Amino acid sequence: MMKRKTLYCTALICLMVSLSCSTDHGKASAKKLVTEWIGKTIIFPDNTYCYTGQTNVACPDPAGESYKILVYTDSVGCTSCKLHLPIWDVFINEVDSSLPEPVSFLFYFQPKSQEELITILKQNRFEHPVFIDDTGEISRANELP
């Protein structure tokens, strides 16, 4: 059985998406996409593998914290180019230090190669839990673009 949770978009997330697009068309497209997803229910698959890089870090429960940021990267294109892991580290630290309530970051990756992804995570010293969705179940269940 899959867990369902509602995804709420904050202005901060909208800003990050907008800044990630280099053209006016890209920004407009990203803004439209974010607007469409505000308040939608996200289905989290139960059977995805979770990698932490550390033995003492528990994987987050997608139904856990009140506030969540879902980061999904599929297998199309250059995996290491799309992840921007150092930027996520900085952003997570800023969110953790500036907001009164905890925010859960749920990283779901559908890599071409699980081994390559784990190598990239280790090279970047990315110590946040990552869900590895080899089959693209979260994308299918939610019709992600």
C-alpha atoms as a PDB file:
ATOM      1  CA  MET A   1       0.000   0.000   0.000  1.00  0.00           C
ATOM      2  CA  MET A   2       1.292   3.477  -0.883  1.00  0.00           C
ATOM      3  CA  LYS A   3       1.209   6.446   1.460  1.00  0.00           C
ATOM      4  CA  ARG A   4      -0.549   9.635   0.377  1.00  0.00           C
ATOM      5  CA  LYS A   5       0.446  13.106   1.497  1.00  0.00           C
ATOM      6  CA  THR A   6      -0.426  16.571   0.277  1.00  0.00           C
ATOM      7  CA  LEU A   7       2.398  18.625  -1.175  1.00  0.00           C
ATOM      8  CA  TYR A   8       2.264  22.336  -0.414  1.00  0.00           C
ATOM      9  CA  CYS A   9       4.511  24.733  -2.245  1.00  0.00           C
ATOM     10  CA  THR A  10       5.988  27.704  -0.461  1.00  0.00           C
ATOM     11  CA  ALA A  11       7.269  30.895  -2.044  1.00  0.00           C
ATOM     12  CA  LEU A  12      10.803  29.705  -1.324  1.00  0.00           C
ATOM     13  CA  ILE A  13      10.361  26.555  -3.404  1.00  0.00           C
ATOM     14  CA  CYS A  14       8.742  28.529  -6.218  1.00  0.00           C
ATOM     15  CA  LEU A  15      11.697  30.892  -6.163  1.00  0.00           C
ATOM     16  CA  MET A  16      14.183  28.017  -6.402  1.00  0.00           C
ATOM     17  CA  VAL A  17      12.358  26.506  -9.360  1.00  0.00           C
ATOM     18  CA  SER A  18      12.143  29.870 -11.094  1.00  0.00           C
ATOM     19  CA  LEU A  19      15.825  30.591 -10.619  1.00  0.00           C
ATOM     20  CA  SER A  20      16.796  27.214 -12.009  1.00  0.00           C
ATOM     21  CA  CYS A  21      15.431  28.116 -15.448  1.00  0.00           C
ATOM     22  CA  SER A  22      17.622  30.327 -17.600  1.00  0.00           C
ATOM     23  CA  THR A  23      15.107  31.619 -20.163  1.00  0.00           C
ATOM     24  CA  ASP A  24      11.909  33.619 -19.770  1.00  0.00           C
ATOM     25  CA  HIS A  25      10.006  30.727 -21.359  1.00  0.00           C
ATOM     26  CA  GLY A  26      11.657  28.311 -18.903  1.00  0.00           C
ATOM     27  CA  LYS A  27      10.715  30.514 -15.959  1.00  0.00           C
ATOM     28  CA  ALA A  28       7.115  30.832 -17.131  1.00  0.00           C
ATOM     29  CA  SER A  29       6.912  27.090 -17.684  1.00  0.00           C
ATOM     30  CA  ALA A  30       8.356  26.373 -14.224  1.00  0.00           C
ATOM     31  CA  LYS A  31       5.956  28.846 -12.600  1.00  0.00           C
ATOM     32  CA  LYS A  32       2.994  27.221 -14.358  1.00  0.00           C
ATOM     33  CA  LEU A  33       4.164  23.761 -13.307  1.00  0.00           C
ATOM     34  CA  VAL A  34       4.567  24.768  -9.650  1.00  0.00           C
ATOM     35  CA  THR A  35       1.136  26.436  -9.660  1.00  0.00           C
ATOM     36  CA  GLU A  36      -0.453  23.249 -11.033  1.00  0.00           C
ATOM     37  CA  TRP A  37       1.110  21.145  -8.275  1.00  0.00           C
ATOM     38  CA  ILE A  38       0.149  23.274  -5.281  1.00  0.00           C
ATOM     39  CA  GLY A  39      -2.105  21.251  -2.984  1.00  0.00           C
ATOM     40  CA  LYS A  40      -1.901  18.014  -4.985  1.00  0.00           C
ATOM     41  CA  THR A  41      -1.665  14.719  -3.173  1.00  0.00           C
ATOM     42  CA  ILE A  42       1.593  12.851  -3.661  1.00  0.00           C
ATOM     43  CA  ILE A  43       1.682   9.063  -3.508  1.00  0.00           C
ATOM     44  CA  PHE A  44       4.902   7.728  -1.966  1.00  0.00           C
ATOM     45  CA  PRO A  45       5.770   4.133  -2.881  1.00  0.00           C
ATOM     46  CA  ASP A  46       6.477   1.820   0.045  1.00  0.00           C
ATOM     47  CA  ASN A  47       9.089  -0.358  -1.614  1.00  0.00           C
ATOM     48  CA  THR A  48      11.841   2.082  -2.599  1.00  0.00           C
ATOM     49  CA  TYR A  49      15.368   1.466  -1.352  1.00  0.00           C
ATOM     50  CA  CYS A  50      16.725   4.144   0.991  1.00  0.00           C
ATOM     51  CA  TYR A  51      20.413   5.016   1.022  1.00  0.00           C
ATOM     52  CA  THR A  52      21.869   7.158   3.785  1.00  0.00           C
ATOM     53  CA  GLY A  53      25.620   6.858   3.361  1.00  0.00           C
ATOM     54  CA  GLN A  54      25.826   6.472   7.128  1.00  0.00           C
ATOM     55  CA  THR A  55      24.837   3.626   9.371  1.00  0.00           C
ATOM     56  CA  ASN A  56      23.358   5.817  12.116  1.00  0.00           C
ATOM     57  CA  VAL A  57      20.932   7.852   9.965  1.00  0.00           C
ATOM     58  CA  ALA A  58      17.357   6.650   9.689  1.00  0.00           C
ATOM     59  CA  CYS A  59      15.383   7.069   6.507  1.00  0.00           C
ATOM     60  CA  PRO A  60      12.590   9.593   6.850  1.00  0.00           C
ATOM     61  CA  ASP A  61       8.993   8.495   6.827  1.00  0.00           C
ATOM     62  CA  PRO A  62       7.305  10.292   3.910  1.00  0.00           C
ATOM     63  CA  ALA A  63       4.258  10.699   6.141  1.00  0.00           C
ATOM     64  CA  GLY A  64       6.394  12.238   8.895  1.00  0.00           C
ATOM     65  CA  GLU A  65       6.945  15.994   9.233  1.00  0.00           C
ATOM     66  CA  SER A  66       4.176  18.490   8.521  1.00  0.00           C
ATOM     67  CA  TYR A  67       6.270  20.258   5.880  1.00  0.00           C
ATOM     68  CA  LYS A  68       7.996  18.408   3.086  1.00  0.00           C
ATOM     69  CA  ILE A  69      10.003  19.218   0.029  1.00  0.00           C
ATOM     70  CA  LEU A  70      10.004  16.495  -2.587  1.00  0.00           C
ATOM     71  CA  VAL A  71      13.039  16.442  -4.863  1.00  0.00           C
ATOM     72  CA  TYR A  72      12.672  14.053  -7.785  1.00  0.00           C
ATOM     73  CA  THR A  73      15.266  13.359 -10.457  1.00  0.00           C
ATOM     74  CA  ASP A  74      14.676  10.825 -13.193  1.00  0.00           C
ATOM     75  CA  SER A  75      17.162   8.880 -15.282  1.00  0.00           C
ATOM     76  CA  VAL A  76      17.070  11.175 -18.322  1.00  0.00           C
ATOM     77  CA  GLY A  77      20.320  13.005 -19.051  1.00  0.00           C
ATOM     78  CA  CYS A  78      23.357  13.573 -16.882  1.00  0.00           C
ATOM     79  CA  THR A  79      22.580  12.511 -13.317  1.00  0.00           C
ATOM     80  CA  SER A  80      25.422  14.388 -11.626  1.00  0.00           C
ATOM     81  CA  CYS A  81      24.581  17.552 -13.611  1.00  0.00           C
ATOM     82  CA  LYS A  82      20.961  17.561 -12.451  1.00  0.00           C
ATOM     83  CA  LEU A  83      21.406  16.785  -8.773  1.00  0.00           C
ATOM     84  CA  HIS A  84      23.134  20.017  -7.625  1.00  0.00           C
ATOM     85  CA  LEU A  85      23.917  18.326  -4.305  1.00  0.00           C
ATOM     86  CA  PRO A  86      26.131  21.084  -2.816  1.00  0.00           C
ATOM     87  CA  ILE A  87      23.342  23.614  -3.449  1.00  0.00           C
ATOM     88  CA  TRP A  88      20.817  21.334  -1.719  1.00  0.00           C
ATOM     89  CA  ASP A  89      23.156  21.031   1.285  1.00  0.00           C
ATOM     90  CA  VAL A  90      23.281  24.819   1.643  1.00  0.00           C
ATOM     91  CA  PHE A  91      19.523  25.157   1.173  1.00  0.00           C
ATOM     92  CA  ILE A  92      18.727  22.435   3.728  1.00  0.00           C
ATOM     93  CA  ASN A  93      20.992  24.105   6.292  1.00  0.00           C
ATOM     94  CA  GLU A  94      19.315  27.477   5.665  1.00  0.00           C
ATOM     95  CA  VAL A  95      15.851  25.993   6.038  1.00  0.00           C
ATOM     96  CA  ASP A  96      16.814  24.091   9.199  1.00  0.00           C
ATOM     97  CA  SER A  97      18.280  27.193  10.818  1.00  0.00           C
ATOM     98  CA  SER A  98      15.585  29.687   9.817  1.00  0.00           C
ATOM     99  CA  LEU A  99      12.237  27.936  10.208  1.00  0.00           C
ATOM    100  CA  PRO A 100      10.609  27.160  13.552  1.00  0.00           C
ATOM    101  CA  GLU A 101       9.106  23.840  12.393  1.00  0.00           C
ATOM    102  CA  PRO A 102      11.046  20.926  10.918  1.00  0.00           C
ATOM    103  CA  VAL A 103      11.001  20.428   7.155  1.00  0.00           C
ATOM    104  CA  SER A 104      11.550  16.985   5.701  1.00  0.00           C
ATOM    105  CA  PHE A 105      13.488  16.809   2.432  1.00  0.00           C
ATOM    106  CA  LEU A 106      12.499  13.717   0.471  1.00  0.00           C
ATOM    107  CA  PHE A 107      14.995  12.959  -2.272  1.00  0.00           C
ATOM    108  CA  TYR A 108      13.672  10.425  -4.787  1.00  0.00           C
ATOM    109  CA  PHE A 109      16.078   9.511  -7.561  1.00  0.00           C
ATOM    110  CA  GLN A 110      15.523   7.179 -10.487  1.00  0.00           C
ATOM    111  CA  PRO A 111      19.110   6.606 -11.628  1.00  0.00           C
ATOM    112  CA  LYS A 112      20.320   4.824 -14.732  1.00  0.00           C
ATOM    113  CA  SER A 113      22.816   3.154 -12.431  1.00  0.00           C
ATOM    114  CA  GLN A 114      22.394   2.795  -8.669  1.00  0.00           C
ATOM    115  CA  GLU A 115      26.164   2.337  -8.356  1.00  0.00           C
ATOM    116  CA  GLU A 116      26.837   5.613 -10.221  1.00  0.00           C
ATOM    117  CA  LEU A 117      24.352   7.477  -8.020  1.00  0.00           C
ATOM    118  CA  ILE A 118      25.917   6.183  -4.803  1.00  0.00           C
ATOM    119  CA  THR A 119      29.360   7.179  -6.113  1.00  0.00           C
ATOM    120  CA  ILE A 120      28.076  10.707  -6.822  1.00  0.00           C
ATOM    121  CA  LEU A 121      26.512  10.920  -3.349  1.00  0.00           C
ATOM    122  CA  LYS A 122      29.801   9.823  -1.744  1.00  0.00           C
ATOM    123  CA  GLN A 123      31.918  12.192  -3.868  1.00  0.00           C
ATOM    124  CA  ASN A 124      29.724  15.113  -2.841  1.00  0.00           C
ATOM    125  CA  ARG A 125      29.621  13.955   0.799  1.00  0.00           C
ATOM    126  CA  PHE A 126      25.843  14.152   0.609  1.00  0.00           C
ATOM    127  CA  GLU A 127      24.696  12.706   3.908  1.00  0.00           C
ATOM    128  CA  HIS A 128      20.941  13.210   3.614  1.00  0.00           C
ATOM    129  CA  PRO A 129      18.773  10.122   3.098  1.00  0.00           C
ATOM    130  CA  VAL A 130      17.967   9.359  -0.530  1.00  0.00           C
ATOM    131  CA  PHE A 131      15.239   7.089  -1.845  1.00  0.00           C
ATOM    132  CA  ILE A 132      16.371   5.134  -4.889  1.00  0.00           C
ATOM    133  CA  ASP A 133      13.424   4.396  -7.135  1.00  0.00           C
ATOM    134  CA  ASP A 134      14.888   2.116  -9.813  1.00  0.00           C
ATOM    135  CA  THR A 135      11.521   1.383 -11.389  1.00  0.00           C
ATOM    136  CA  GLY A 136      10.187   4.964 -11.508  1.00  0.00           C
ATOM    137  CA  GLU A 137       7.242   4.057  -9.329  1.00  0.00           C
ATOM    138  CA  ILE A 138       6.834   7.526  -7.786  1.00  0.00           C
ATOM    139  CA  SER A 139       6.784   9.107 -11.240  1.00  0.00           C
ATOM    140  CA  ARG A 140       4.168   6.693 -12.568  1.00  0.00           C
ATOM    141  CA  ALA A 141       1.976   6.865  -9.467  1.00  0.00           C
ATOM    142  CA  ASN A 142       1.927  10.668  -9.546  1.00  0.00           C
ATOM    143  CA  GLU A 143       2.202  11.300 -13.294  1.00  0.00           C
ATOM    144  CA  LEU A 144       5.242  13.509 -12.748  1.00  0.00           C
ATOM    145  CA  PRO A 145       6.252  15.625 -15.745  1.00  0.00           C
END
